[in-house]
Protein backbone atom coordinates (compact mmCIF):
# COMPACT_ATOMS: atom_id res chain seq x y z
CA MET A 1 19.05 -4.52 -14.95
CA GLU A 2 19.05 -2.47 -11.75
CA ARG A 3 18.31 1.23 -11.44
CA THR A 4 17.61 3.69 -8.64
CA GLU A 5 15.08 6.40 -7.87
CA ARG A 6 15.38 9.11 -5.24
CA LEU A 7 12.49 9.25 -2.73
CA GLY A 8 12.97 12.10 -0.31
CA ARG A 9 16.11 11.35 1.70
CA TYR A 10 16.21 7.71 0.55
CA THR A 11 17.23 5.74 -2.55
CA LEU A 12 14.92 3.07 -4.00
CA LEU A 13 16.34 0.10 -5.93
CA LEU A 14 14.28 -1.20 -8.85
CA THR A 15 14.73 -4.27 -11.07
CA GLU A 16 12.60 -6.16 -13.56
CA ASP A 17 11.44 -8.33 -10.63
CA CYS A 18 9.53 -5.39 -9.11
CA PHE A 19 6.40 -3.55 -10.20
CA PRO A 20 7.33 -0.15 -11.68
CA LEU A 21 7.16 2.89 -9.46
CA GLY A 22 4.00 4.89 -10.15
CA GLY A 23 2.02 7.86 -8.97
CA ASP A 24 -0.48 5.64 -7.14
CA SER A 25 2.20 4.38 -4.72
CA LEU A 26 3.56 7.90 -4.25
CA ALA A 27 0.08 9.16 -3.45
CA LEU A 28 -0.65 6.33 -1.01
CA GLY A 29 2.63 6.92 0.80
CA ARG A 30 1.57 10.50 1.46
CA PHE A 31 -2.08 9.73 2.21
CA ALA A 32 -1.78 7.10 4.95
CA THR A 33 -1.90 8.23 8.57
CA VAL A 34 1.32 7.70 10.53
CA ARG A 35 2.20 8.33 14.16
CA ARG A 36 5.50 8.25 16.01
CA GLY A 37 6.60 4.73 16.95
CA TRP A 38 3.84 2.92 15.08
CA LYS A 39 4.30 -0.65 13.96
CA VAL A 40 3.60 -0.78 10.20
CA CYS A 41 3.09 -3.73 7.84
CA ASP A 42 3.28 -3.36 4.06
CA LEU A 43 1.38 -6.23 2.42
CA GLY A 44 2.95 -7.04 -0.95
CA CYS A 45 5.83 -4.65 -0.36
CA GLY A 46 7.61 -5.20 -3.70
CA SER A 47 10.77 -3.09 -3.81
CA GLY A 48 9.90 -1.32 -0.53
CA VAL A 49 8.65 1.95 -1.97
CA LEU A 50 5.78 2.46 0.48
CA GLY A 51 8.05 1.76 3.41
CA LEU A 52 10.55 4.38 2.22
CA LEU A 53 7.81 6.95 1.72
CA LEU A 54 6.40 6.38 5.21
CA LEU A 55 9.83 6.39 6.87
CA ASP A 56 10.65 9.64 5.08
CA ARG A 57 7.63 11.14 6.83
CA GLU A 58 8.23 9.50 10.24
CA GLU A 59 11.59 7.83 10.83
CA SER A 60 10.54 6.26 14.17
CA LEU A 61 8.23 3.72 12.51
CA PHE A 62 8.86 -0.01 12.99
CA LEU A 63 8.41 -1.33 9.46
CA THR A 64 7.73 -4.88 8.27
CA GLY A 65 7.18 -5.83 4.63
CA VAL A 66 5.60 -9.03 3.32
CA GLU A 67 6.37 -10.15 -0.23
CA VAL A 68 5.57 -13.46 -1.93
CA SER A 69 8.25 -13.05 -4.63
CA PRO A 70 11.72 -14.00 -3.31
CA ALA A 71 13.37 -11.82 -5.96
CA ALA A 72 11.32 -8.73 -5.08
CA ALA A 73 11.79 -9.37 -1.35
CA ASP A 74 15.55 -9.43 -1.92
CA VAL A 75 15.37 -6.05 -3.67
CA ALA A 76 13.41 -4.62 -0.73
CA ARG A 77 15.97 -5.93 1.77
CA ARG A 78 18.81 -4.41 -0.25
CA THR A 79 16.91 -1.14 -0.55
CA PHE A 80 16.49 -0.84 3.22
CA ALA A 81 20.09 -1.92 3.89
CA ARG A 82 21.43 0.60 1.38
CA ASN A 83 19.61 3.36 3.26
CA GLY A 84 20.74 2.15 6.69
CA LEU A 85 17.18 1.28 7.75
CA ASP A 86 16.32 -1.43 10.24
CA ALA A 87 13.24 -2.70 8.41
CA ARG A 88 12.18 -6.34 8.25
CA VAL A 89 11.11 -8.06 5.02
CA VAL A 90 9.37 -11.45 5.24
CA THR A 91 9.17 -13.67 2.17
CA GLY A 92 5.76 -15.30 2.35
CA ASP A 93 2.08 -15.30 1.47
CA LEU A 94 0.19 -12.46 3.15
CA ARG A 95 -2.77 -14.80 3.62
CA ASP A 96 -0.70 -17.06 5.93
CA ARG A 97 -1.77 -16.22 9.47
CA LYS A 98 1.23 -18.05 10.88
CA LEU A 99 3.47 -15.17 9.78
CA PHE A 100 2.34 -12.78 12.53
CA PRO A 101 0.04 -12.77 15.57
CA ALA A 102 -3.35 -11.08 15.38
CA ASN A 103 -3.61 -7.34 16.11
CA ALA A 104 0.16 -6.92 15.64
CA PHE A 105 0.23 -3.61 13.74
CA ASP A 106 -0.94 -0.01 14.15
CA LEU A 107 -1.01 0.51 10.38
CA VAL A 108 -1.31 -1.94 7.50
CA ILE A 109 -0.74 -0.55 4.01
CA SER A 110 -0.94 -2.06 0.53
CA ASN A 111 -0.93 -1.27 -3.18
CA PRO A 112 -2.54 -4.55 -4.26
CA PRO A 113 -3.49 -6.10 -7.62
CA TRP A 114 -6.45 -4.14 -9.02
CA PHE A 115 -8.12 -6.48 -11.49
CA PRO A 116 -10.08 -9.72 -10.88
CA THR A 117 -8.76 -12.78 -12.65
CA GLY A 118 -10.29 -13.02 -16.12
CA ALA A 119 -11.60 -9.44 -16.09
CA GLY A 120 -9.84 -8.63 -19.35
CA LYS A 121 -8.43 -5.38 -17.95
CA SER A 122 -4.95 -4.05 -18.65
CA GLY A 123 -2.12 -4.13 -16.16
CA GLY A 124 -0.50 -7.51 -16.75
CA PRO A 125 -0.03 -10.41 -14.34
CA ALA A 126 1.32 -8.17 -11.57
CA ARG A 127 -2.02 -6.32 -11.47
CA SER A 128 -4.19 -9.48 -11.55
CA GLU A 129 -5.72 -11.00 -8.40
CA GLU A 130 -4.50 -14.48 -9.34
CA GLY A 131 -2.39 -14.72 -6.19
CA CYS A 132 -4.60 -12.82 -3.73
CA THR A 133 -8.15 -11.52 -4.09
CA LEU A 134 -9.49 -8.27 -2.67
CA LYS A 135 -11.47 -10.23 -0.07
CA GLU A 136 -8.37 -12.15 1.00
CA LEU A 137 -6.35 -8.94 1.27
CA CYS A 138 -8.96 -7.29 3.50
CA ALA A 139 -9.20 -10.44 5.63
CA ALA A 140 -5.43 -10.33 6.17
CA ALA A 141 -5.53 -6.63 7.03
CA GLY A 142 -8.42 -7.14 9.46
CA TYR A 143 -6.47 -9.89 11.20
CA LEU A 144 -3.22 -7.92 11.47
CA THR A 145 -4.58 -4.48 12.45
CA ARG A 146 -5.09 -3.74 16.14
CA PRO A 147 -8.44 -2.34 17.31
CA GLY A 148 -8.32 1.36 16.50
CA GLY A 149 -5.49 0.79 14.02
CA ARG A 150 -5.67 1.64 10.33
CA PHE A 151 -5.55 -0.04 6.93
CA ALA A 152 -4.68 2.16 3.94
CA LEU A 153 -4.66 1.11 0.29
CA VAL A 154 -5.09 2.34 -3.27
CA HIS A 155 -7.50 0.71 -5.73
CA ARG A 156 -9.64 1.25 -8.80
CA PRO A 157 -12.71 3.51 -8.38
CA GLU A 158 -15.03 0.92 -9.95
CA ARG A 159 -14.01 -1.59 -7.26
CA LEU A 160 -15.10 0.65 -4.37
CA PRO A 161 -18.39 -1.23 -3.69
CA ASP A 162 -16.49 -4.53 -3.47
CA LEU A 163 -13.76 -2.90 -1.38
CA PHE A 164 -16.12 -1.33 1.15
CA ALA A 165 -18.02 -4.61 1.51
CA ALA A 166 -14.80 -6.56 2.09
CA LEU A 167 -13.51 -4.00 4.60
CA ARG A 168 -16.66 -4.05 6.70
CA GLU A 169 -16.83 -7.83 6.54
CA ASN A 170 -13.48 -7.86 8.33
CA GLY A 171 -14.19 -5.20 10.95
CA LEU A 172 -12.57 -2.33 9.03
CA GLU A 173 -14.68 0.82 8.73
CA PRO A 174 -13.85 3.17 5.80
CA LYS A 175 -13.05 6.60 7.30
CA ARG A 176 -11.08 8.56 4.66
CA MET A 177 -11.10 8.44 0.86
CA ALA A 178 -9.42 10.51 -1.85
CA LEU A 179 -10.06 10.23 -5.58
CA LEU A 180 -6.97 10.69 -7.75
CA GLN A 181 -7.27 12.66 -11.00
CA HIS A 182 -4.67 13.62 -13.59
CA SER A 183 -6.70 16.75 -14.36
CA LEU A 184 -10.15 18.20 -13.79
CA ALA A 185 -11.06 17.14 -17.33
CA THR A 186 -10.47 13.43 -16.67
CA PRO A 187 -12.34 11.02 -14.39
CA PRO A 188 -10.61 9.67 -11.27
CA SER A 189 -8.05 6.98 -12.09
CA ALA A 190 -7.61 5.57 -8.57
CA ALA A 191 -9.03 5.81 -5.08
CA LEU A 192 -7.12 6.04 -1.81
CA VAL A 193 -8.99 4.55 1.14
CA GLU A 194 -8.13 4.39 4.83
CA ALA A 195 -10.20 2.26 7.20
CA VAL A 196 -10.14 1.98 10.99
CA ARG A 197 -10.45 -1.35 12.77
CA GLN A 198 -13.68 -1.27 14.80
CA GLY A 199 -14.18 2.38 13.82
CA ARG A 200 -17.49 4.20 13.86
CA PRO A 201 -19.33 4.88 10.57
CA GLY A 202 -18.53 8.17 8.86
CA LEU A 203 -16.52 8.73 5.68
CA GLU A 204 -14.49 11.85 4.82
CA VAL A 205 -14.18 12.22 1.03
CA LEU A 206 -11.33 14.26 -0.44
CA SER A 207 -10.25 15.01 -3.99
CA VAL A 208 -6.64 15.39 -5.12
CA ARG A 209 -4.89 15.75 -8.44
CA LEU A 210 -2.28 13.15 -9.37
CA GLN A 211 0.94 14.45 -10.90
CA GLU A 212 3.05 11.91 -12.77
CA GLY A 213 6.70 11.28 -12.05
CA PRO A 214 8.77 9.20 -9.62
CA GLN A 215 10.63 12.01 -7.91
CA SER A 216 9.89 13.01 -4.33
CA GLY A 217 8.02 16.12 -5.42
CA ALA A 218 5.41 14.08 -7.28
CA GLY A 219 2.21 12.92 -5.68
CA PRO A 220 -1.23 14.18 -4.79
CA GLN A 221 -1.87 17.87 -5.09
CA PRO A 222 -4.88 19.76 -3.64
C-alpha cells in the first residue's frame, strides 16, 4: 500500500518497503549544515525523506542517495521524479568503495540502524546493524567526505561514546551535537551529531525539543 506525506513544498511517497517517517529524520533534515551548490550523499536513503528535507532548505544541492534495498530505492526514485527533482539514487551497499571516488561529497548524511545485532533492543530488523555497523558507516562517511566537508547523523544517546570513537578513527571530528527530547520531563531520546572531516577539536552542544508528527511544521524546537 502506498501513501504520501507533505514535506514543505514536496511530496514524499511511502510504502511498506520503507522505514516509517519519524521525528528523528525530520530533526536531522533541519539540523545538518547545507550550503548552496553542495554535493550531498544520503547513506541508506530509504524513501528519500532526508533528501527532500535538505532540498526544501536549499534547492541548488546536488543530491545522491544510496540504498541497499531495491524496493526502497525504487520508492526514492519515484519520489524525486514526482517532485521534478534531478536527484540520483544508487542501489548498492554503502560500504562498497567502488560506488564513488574518495572525497566526492561536501555533506554526507544518514539516519542509520541504531541497535547492535543481538542487543535485544526494540526497533525491528530495520533498526538493527545486521547489514552495516556503526564503525562501517563512519568508515564510509570518512571516505566519501571531502576535507572540510561534513557528516551529519542521528543516533541513540547511549551510543555516543562508540560514535565519537568511530568518527575520530575515520578523520571526522565531532563539532555540533543536539539532544532531542519530547519534553523537559523526559530524558533525550536521540542525538544529532555533525562532524567535520579533518576538523579541529571543539564540540558545540545544543538542546532541542522533539515534536511528533510527519508534517513540515514538526521537528526540533528550541
